[in-house]
C-alpha cells in the first residue's frame, strides 16, 4: 500500500514501480482518475488485475473491478450520529451545525441539491 500525498505524478510513479516489481493486483484510490491511463495500460499489459477503489478511473478500459461503499448511506449514518450527539449534549436545543460537501473533483461527491 502506498499513499501519494495528494500528488498525481507521485501516484503515477508509484503505479509504475508496482508494475516493475511484478504486482499481480493493483488497487487504485485515484487522486485524479483521468490522469492514470498510461500507467493502467502498462499494468494491464503486464498481466495485473486493476481494481478501482471508491473513485472512478476514467479515460481507460483497463479496469477489471470497481469497489465502493454506499456514500449516501454513510452520509445518513453520519447525520444521525451528529443529531444523536447534539441531542445528548443539549437535549432542549437549539443547536447549530455546518455541512462540508467534499472536494469538487470527487465523482462520488453529491451536493445537497442532488441528494435523493
N, C-alpha and C. Protein backbone atom coordinates (compact mmCIF):
# COMPACT_ATOMS: atom_id res chain seq x y z
N UNK A 1 0.85 -1.16 0.00
CA UNK A 1 0.00 0.00 0.00
C UNK A 1 0.90 1.23 0.00
N UNK A 2 0.51 2.19 -0.80
CA UNK A 2 1.26 3.45 -0.86
C UNK A 2 0.27 4.60 -0.88
N UNK A 3 0.69 5.73 -0.37
CA UNK A 3 -0.12 6.94 -0.35
C UNK A 3 0.64 8.02 -1.08
N UNK A 4 -0.02 8.66 -2.03
CA UNK A 4 0.68 9.62 -2.91
C UNK A 4 0.67 11.05 -2.40
N UNK A 5 0.28 11.27 -1.16
CA UNK A 5 0.31 12.61 -0.58
C UNK A 5 -0.37 13.67 -1.45
N UNK A 6 -1.41 13.29 -2.17
CA UNK A 6 -2.16 14.25 -2.94
C UNK A 6 -1.56 14.62 -4.28
N UNK A 7 -0.52 13.94 -4.72
CA UNK A 7 0.11 14.29 -5.99
C UNK A 7 -0.12 13.25 -7.07
N UNK A 8 -0.66 13.68 -8.20
CA UNK A 8 -0.94 12.77 -9.31
C UNK A 8 0.35 12.17 -9.85
N UNK A 9 1.38 12.98 -10.05
CA UNK A 9 2.62 12.45 -10.62
C UNK A 9 3.25 11.42 -9.68
N UNK A 10 3.14 11.63 -8.38
CA UNK A 10 3.66 10.65 -7.44
C UNK A 10 2.86 9.34 -7.54
N UNK A 11 1.56 9.44 -7.69
CA UNK A 11 0.75 8.23 -7.84
C UNK A 11 1.09 7.50 -9.14
N UNK A 12 1.31 8.24 -10.21
CA UNK A 12 1.72 7.62 -11.47
C UNK A 12 3.03 6.86 -11.28
N UNK A 13 3.99 7.47 -10.61
CA UNK A 13 5.28 6.82 -10.36
C UNK A 13 5.13 5.58 -9.48
N UNK A 14 4.26 5.65 -8.50
CA UNK A 14 4.04 4.51 -7.61
C UNK A 14 3.45 3.32 -8.39
N UNK A 15 2.48 3.59 -9.25
CA UNK A 15 1.89 2.51 -10.05
C UNK A 15 2.94 1.91 -10.97
N UNK A 16 3.76 2.76 -11.59
CA UNK A 16 4.83 2.26 -12.46
C UNK A 16 5.80 1.38 -11.68
N UNK A 17 6.13 1.78 -10.47
CA UNK A 17 7.04 0.99 -9.64
C UNK A 17 6.41 -0.36 -9.27
N UNK A 18 5.12 -0.37 -9.00
CA UNK A 18 4.43 -1.62 -8.69
C UNK A 18 4.49 -2.58 -9.87
N UNK A 19 4.32 -2.03 -11.07
CA UNK A 19 4.39 -2.84 -12.28
C UNK A 19 5.79 -3.44 -12.42
N UNK A 20 6.80 -2.60 -12.23
CA UNK A 20 8.20 -3.04 -12.33
C UNK A 20 8.51 -4.16 -11.34
N UNK A 21 7.90 -4.08 -10.15
CA UNK A 21 8.13 -5.09 -9.12
C UNK A 21 7.26 -6.34 -9.32
N UNK A 22 6.45 -6.35 -10.39
CA UNK A 22 5.67 -7.53 -10.72
C UNK A 22 4.35 -7.69 -9.99
N UNK A 23 3.73 -6.58 -9.60
CA UNK A 23 2.44 -6.66 -8.89
C UNK A 23 1.42 -7.41 -9.74
N UNK A 24 0.69 -8.30 -9.10
CA UNK A 24 -0.35 -9.08 -9.79
C UNK A 24 -1.71 -8.41 -9.67
N UNK A 25 -1.91 -7.64 -8.61
CA UNK A 25 -3.16 -6.90 -8.39
C UNK A 25 -2.78 -5.49 -7.94
N UNK A 26 -3.41 -4.50 -8.55
CA UNK A 26 -3.19 -3.10 -8.15
C UNK A 26 -4.54 -2.49 -7.84
N UNK A 27 -4.69 -2.04 -6.60
CA UNK A 27 -5.91 -1.38 -6.16
C UNK A 27 -5.62 0.11 -6.14
N UNK A 28 -6.44 0.87 -6.87
CA UNK A 28 -6.15 2.30 -7.05
C UNK A 28 -7.27 3.15 -6.45
N UNK A 29 -6.92 3.96 -5.47
CA UNK A 29 -7.78 5.02 -4.97
C UNK A 29 -7.28 6.29 -5.61
N UNK A 30 -7.76 6.57 -6.79
CA UNK A 30 -7.18 7.62 -7.64
C UNK A 30 -7.30 9.02 -7.03
N UNK A 31 -6.23 9.76 -7.15
CA UNK A 31 -6.26 11.18 -6.80
C UNK A 31 -7.00 11.92 -7.92
N UNK A 32 -6.68 11.60 -9.14
CA UNK A 32 -7.38 12.13 -10.32
C UNK A 32 -7.48 10.97 -11.31
N UNK A 33 -8.64 10.35 -11.36
CA UNK A 33 -8.85 9.14 -12.15
C UNK A 33 -8.71 9.32 -13.64
N UNK A 34 -8.63 10.54 -14.12
CA UNK A 34 -8.48 10.78 -15.55
C UNK A 34 -7.01 10.86 -15.96
N UNK A 35 -6.08 10.79 -15.00
CA UNK A 35 -4.66 11.01 -15.29
C UNK A 35 -3.81 9.74 -15.20
N UNK A 36 -4.44 8.56 -15.12
CA UNK A 36 -3.67 7.34 -14.89
C UNK A 36 -3.73 6.35 -16.04
N UNK A 37 -4.26 6.77 -17.18
CA UNK A 37 -4.46 5.87 -18.31
C UNK A 37 -3.20 5.15 -18.78
N UNK A 38 -2.10 5.86 -18.89
CA UNK A 38 -0.84 5.26 -19.36
C UNK A 38 -0.37 4.17 -18.40
N UNK A 39 -0.39 4.48 -17.11
CA UNK A 39 0.07 3.52 -16.11
C UNK A 39 -0.87 2.31 -16.04
N UNK A 40 -2.16 2.54 -16.17
CA UNK A 40 -3.11 1.43 -16.11
C UNK A 40 -2.97 0.52 -17.32
N UNK A 41 -2.68 1.09 -18.48
CA UNK A 41 -2.44 0.26 -19.67
C UNK A 41 -1.19 -0.58 -19.47
N UNK A 42 -0.14 0.03 -18.94
CA UNK A 42 1.09 -0.71 -18.68
C UNK A 42 0.84 -1.84 -17.68
N UNK A 43 0.05 -1.56 -16.66
CA UNK A 43 -0.26 -2.58 -15.65
C UNK A 43 -1.04 -3.72 -16.27
N UNK A 44 -2.04 -3.38 -17.08
CA UNK A 44 -2.85 -4.40 -17.73
C UNK A 44 -2.00 -5.23 -18.69
N UNK A 45 -1.14 -4.56 -19.46
CA UNK A 45 -0.25 -5.26 -20.39
C UNK A 45 0.69 -6.22 -19.67
N UNK A 46 1.02 -5.90 -18.41
CA UNK A 46 1.91 -6.77 -17.63
C UNK A 46 1.16 -7.96 -17.02
N UNK A 47 -0.17 -7.95 -17.16
CA UNK A 47 -0.98 -9.05 -16.63
C UNK A 47 -1.61 -8.77 -15.28
N UNK A 48 -1.45 -7.57 -14.76
CA UNK A 48 -2.01 -7.24 -13.45
C UNK A 48 -3.53 -7.04 -13.54
N UNK A 49 -4.20 -7.35 -12.46
CA UNK A 49 -5.62 -7.06 -12.31
C UNK A 49 -5.74 -5.68 -11.68
N UNK A 50 -6.59 -4.84 -12.24
CA UNK A 50 -6.75 -3.47 -11.77
C UNK A 50 -8.10 -3.32 -11.08
N UNK A 51 -8.08 -2.81 -9.85
CA UNK A 51 -9.30 -2.57 -9.09
C UNK A 51 -9.36 -1.08 -8.74
N UNK A 52 -10.43 -0.43 -9.15
CA UNK A 52 -10.66 0.97 -8.77
C UNK A 52 -11.37 0.96 -7.43
N UNK A 53 -10.82 1.65 -6.44
CA UNK A 53 -11.42 1.69 -5.12
C UNK A 53 -12.04 3.05 -4.85
N UNK A 54 -13.34 3.09 -4.83
CA UNK A 54 -14.15 4.24 -4.43
C UNK A 54 -14.02 5.49 -5.31
N UNK A 55 -13.16 5.47 -6.28
CA UNK A 55 -13.04 6.59 -7.20
C UNK A 55 -12.93 6.02 -8.60
N UNK A 56 -13.66 6.61 -9.52
CA UNK A 56 -13.68 6.11 -10.89
C UNK A 56 -12.34 6.34 -11.57
N UNK A 57 -11.94 5.39 -12.39
CA UNK A 57 -10.77 5.54 -13.25
C UNK A 57 -11.30 5.81 -14.64
N UNK A 58 -11.07 7.02 -15.12
CA UNK A 58 -11.68 7.50 -16.36
C UNK A 58 -10.71 7.42 -17.53
N UNK A 59 -11.27 7.51 -18.73
CA UNK A 59 -10.49 7.55 -19.97
C UNK A 59 -9.63 6.30 -20.19
N UNK A 60 -10.08 5.17 -19.69
CA UNK A 60 -9.35 3.92 -19.87
C UNK A 60 -10.32 2.75 -19.79
N UNK A 61 -10.00 1.70 -20.51
CA UNK A 61 -10.76 0.45 -20.42
C UNK A 61 -10.03 -0.55 -19.54
N UNK A 62 -8.90 -0.16 -19.00
CA UNK A 62 -8.02 -1.07 -18.27
C UNK A 62 -8.36 -1.13 -16.77
N UNK A 63 -9.62 -1.41 -16.49
CA UNK A 63 -10.09 -1.57 -15.12
C UNK A 63 -10.89 -2.86 -15.07
N UNK A 64 -10.53 -3.75 -14.15
CA UNK A 64 -11.23 -5.02 -14.04
C UNK A 64 -12.42 -4.96 -13.09
N UNK A 65 -12.27 -4.23 -11.98
CA UNK A 65 -13.32 -4.17 -10.98
C UNK A 65 -13.40 -2.77 -10.39
N UNK A 66 -14.58 -2.45 -9.86
CA UNK A 66 -14.81 -1.20 -9.14
C UNK A 66 -15.43 -1.56 -7.80
N UNK A 67 -14.82 -1.11 -6.73
CA UNK A 67 -15.31 -1.39 -5.38
C UNK A 67 -15.59 -0.06 -4.71
N UNK A 68 -16.75 0.04 -4.08
CA UNK A 68 -17.11 1.27 -3.39
C UNK A 68 -18.05 0.95 -2.24
N UNK A 69 -18.29 1.93 -1.45
CA UNK A 69 -19.28 1.79 -0.40
C UNK A 69 -20.44 2.72 -0.73
N UNK A 70 -21.52 2.57 -0.03
CA UNK A 70 -22.73 3.34 -0.27
C UNK A 70 -22.57 4.73 0.36
N UNK A 71 -22.13 5.69 -0.44
CA UNK A 71 -21.85 7.03 0.07
C UNK A 71 -23.08 7.69 0.67
N UNK A 72 -24.25 7.45 0.09
CA UNK A 72 -25.47 8.06 0.63
C UNK A 72 -25.75 7.50 2.02
N UNK A 73 -25.65 6.18 2.17
CA UNK A 73 -25.89 5.54 3.47
C UNK A 73 -24.88 6.04 4.51
N UNK A 74 -23.63 6.19 4.11
CA UNK A 74 -22.62 6.72 5.02
C UNK A 74 -23.04 8.11 5.51
N UNK A 75 -23.52 8.94 4.59
CA UNK A 75 -23.98 10.28 4.97
C UNK A 75 -25.16 10.25 5.92
N UNK A 76 -26.10 9.33 5.67
CA UNK A 76 -27.26 9.18 6.56
C UNK A 76 -26.79 8.80 7.97
N UNK A 77 -25.88 7.82 8.05
CA UNK A 77 -25.38 7.38 9.35
C UNK A 77 -24.61 8.50 10.06
N UNK A 78 -23.81 9.25 9.31
CA UNK A 78 -23.07 10.35 9.91
C UNK A 78 -24.03 11.43 10.42
N UNK A 79 -25.05 11.74 9.61
CA UNK A 79 -26.04 12.74 10.01
C UNK A 79 -26.79 12.32 11.26
N UNK A 80 -27.18 11.05 11.33
CA UNK A 80 -27.89 10.56 12.50
C UNK A 80 -27.00 10.60 13.74
N UNK A 81 -25.74 10.22 13.58
CA UNK A 81 -24.81 10.29 14.71
C UNK A 81 -24.64 11.73 15.19
N UNK A 82 -24.58 12.67 14.26
CA UNK A 82 -24.47 14.09 14.61
C UNK A 82 -25.70 14.54 15.40
N UNK A 83 -26.89 14.19 14.90
CA UNK A 83 -28.12 14.58 15.60
C UNK A 83 -28.19 13.95 17.00
N UNK A 84 -27.83 12.67 17.08
CA UNK A 84 -27.85 11.99 18.38
C UNK A 84 -26.86 12.64 19.35
N UNK A 85 -25.67 12.98 18.86
CA UNK A 85 -24.67 13.62 19.70
C UNK A 85 -25.09 15.01 20.16
N UNK A 86 -25.69 15.78 19.26
CA UNK A 86 -26.15 17.12 19.62
C UNK A 86 -27.27 17.03 20.65
N UNK A 87 -28.18 16.08 20.49
CA UNK A 87 -29.29 15.91 21.44
C UNK A 87 -28.77 15.49 22.81
N UNK A 88 -27.75 14.63 22.83
CA UNK A 88 -27.18 14.19 24.09
C UNK A 88 -26.50 15.34 24.83
N UNK A 89 -25.87 16.24 24.09
CA UNK A 89 -25.16 17.38 24.72
C UNK A 89 -26.12 18.49 25.13
N UNK A 90 -27.18 18.68 24.34
CA UNK A 90 -28.11 19.79 24.61
C UNK A 90 -29.52 19.32 24.26
N UNK A 91 -30.15 18.55 25.15
CA UNK A 91 -31.43 17.91 24.84
C UNK A 91 -32.55 18.87 24.44
N UNK A 92 -32.52 20.11 24.92
CA UNK A 92 -33.62 21.03 24.60
C UNK A 92 -33.28 22.00 23.48
N UNK A 93 -32.06 21.88 22.90
CA UNK A 93 -31.67 22.75 21.79
C UNK A 93 -31.42 24.16 22.27
N UNK A 94 -31.27 25.15 21.44
CA UNK A 94 -31.04 24.99 20.00
C UNK A 94 -29.60 24.58 19.73
N UNK A 95 -29.37 24.03 18.58
CA UNK A 95 -28.03 23.63 18.16
C UNK A 95 -27.76 24.12 16.75
N UNK A 96 -26.49 24.17 16.38
CA UNK A 96 -26.10 24.61 15.05
C UNK A 96 -25.09 23.63 14.48
N UNK A 97 -25.19 23.37 13.17
CA UNK A 97 -24.20 22.52 12.50
C UNK A 97 -23.91 23.10 11.13
N UNK A 98 -22.81 22.66 10.55
CA UNK A 98 -22.42 23.07 9.20
C UNK A 98 -22.19 21.83 8.35
N UNK A 99 -22.33 21.98 7.04
CA UNK A 99 -22.12 20.86 6.12
C UNK A 99 -20.98 21.19 5.17
N UNK A 100 -20.09 20.22 4.96
CA UNK A 100 -18.99 20.36 4.01
C UNK A 100 -19.16 19.27 2.96
N UNK A 101 -19.48 19.61 1.71
CA UNK A 101 -19.83 18.60 0.70
C UNK A 101 -18.67 17.79 0.13
N UNK A 102 -17.43 18.11 0.38
CA UNK A 102 -16.32 17.34 -0.16
C UNK A 102 -15.64 18.05 -1.32
N UNK A 103 -14.56 17.43 -1.80
CA UNK A 103 -13.80 18.01 -2.90
C UNK A 103 -14.60 17.98 -4.19
N UNK A 104 -14.56 19.03 -4.95
CA UNK A 104 -15.32 19.14 -6.19
C UNK A 104 -14.93 18.09 -7.22
N UNK A 105 -13.66 17.65 -7.25
CA UNK A 105 -13.21 16.71 -8.28
C UNK A 105 -13.64 15.27 -7.99
N UNK A 106 -14.21 15.02 -6.82
CA UNK A 106 -14.60 13.66 -6.47
C UNK A 106 -15.90 13.29 -7.19
N UNK A 107 -15.87 12.26 -8.04
CA UNK A 107 -17.08 11.88 -8.75
C UNK A 107 -18.16 11.31 -7.84
N UNK A 108 -17.80 10.92 -6.63
CA UNK A 108 -18.78 10.39 -5.70
C UNK A 108 -19.44 11.49 -4.87
N UNK A 109 -18.98 12.71 -5.01
CA UNK A 109 -19.50 13.84 -4.26
C UNK A 109 -20.88 14.22 -4.77
N UNK A 110 -21.78 14.49 -3.87
CA UNK A 110 -23.10 15.00 -4.23
C UNK A 110 -23.34 16.29 -3.49
N UNK A 111 -23.96 17.23 -4.17
CA UNK A 111 -24.36 18.43 -3.45
C UNK A 111 -25.71 18.14 -2.80
N UNK A 112 -26.10 18.98 -1.88
CA UNK A 112 -27.37 18.75 -1.20
C UNK A 112 -28.54 18.85 -2.17
N UNK A 113 -28.36 19.54 -3.30
CA UNK A 113 -29.45 19.67 -4.25
C UNK A 113 -29.62 18.43 -5.12
N UNK A 114 -28.62 17.50 -5.12
CA UNK A 114 -28.75 16.30 -5.95
C UNK A 114 -28.97 15.05 -5.13
N UNK A 115 -28.94 15.17 -3.80
CA UNK A 115 -29.16 14.00 -2.97
C UNK A 115 -30.62 13.55 -3.09
N UNK A 116 -30.86 12.23 -3.11
CA UNK A 116 -32.24 11.76 -3.23
C UNK A 116 -33.07 12.07 -2.02
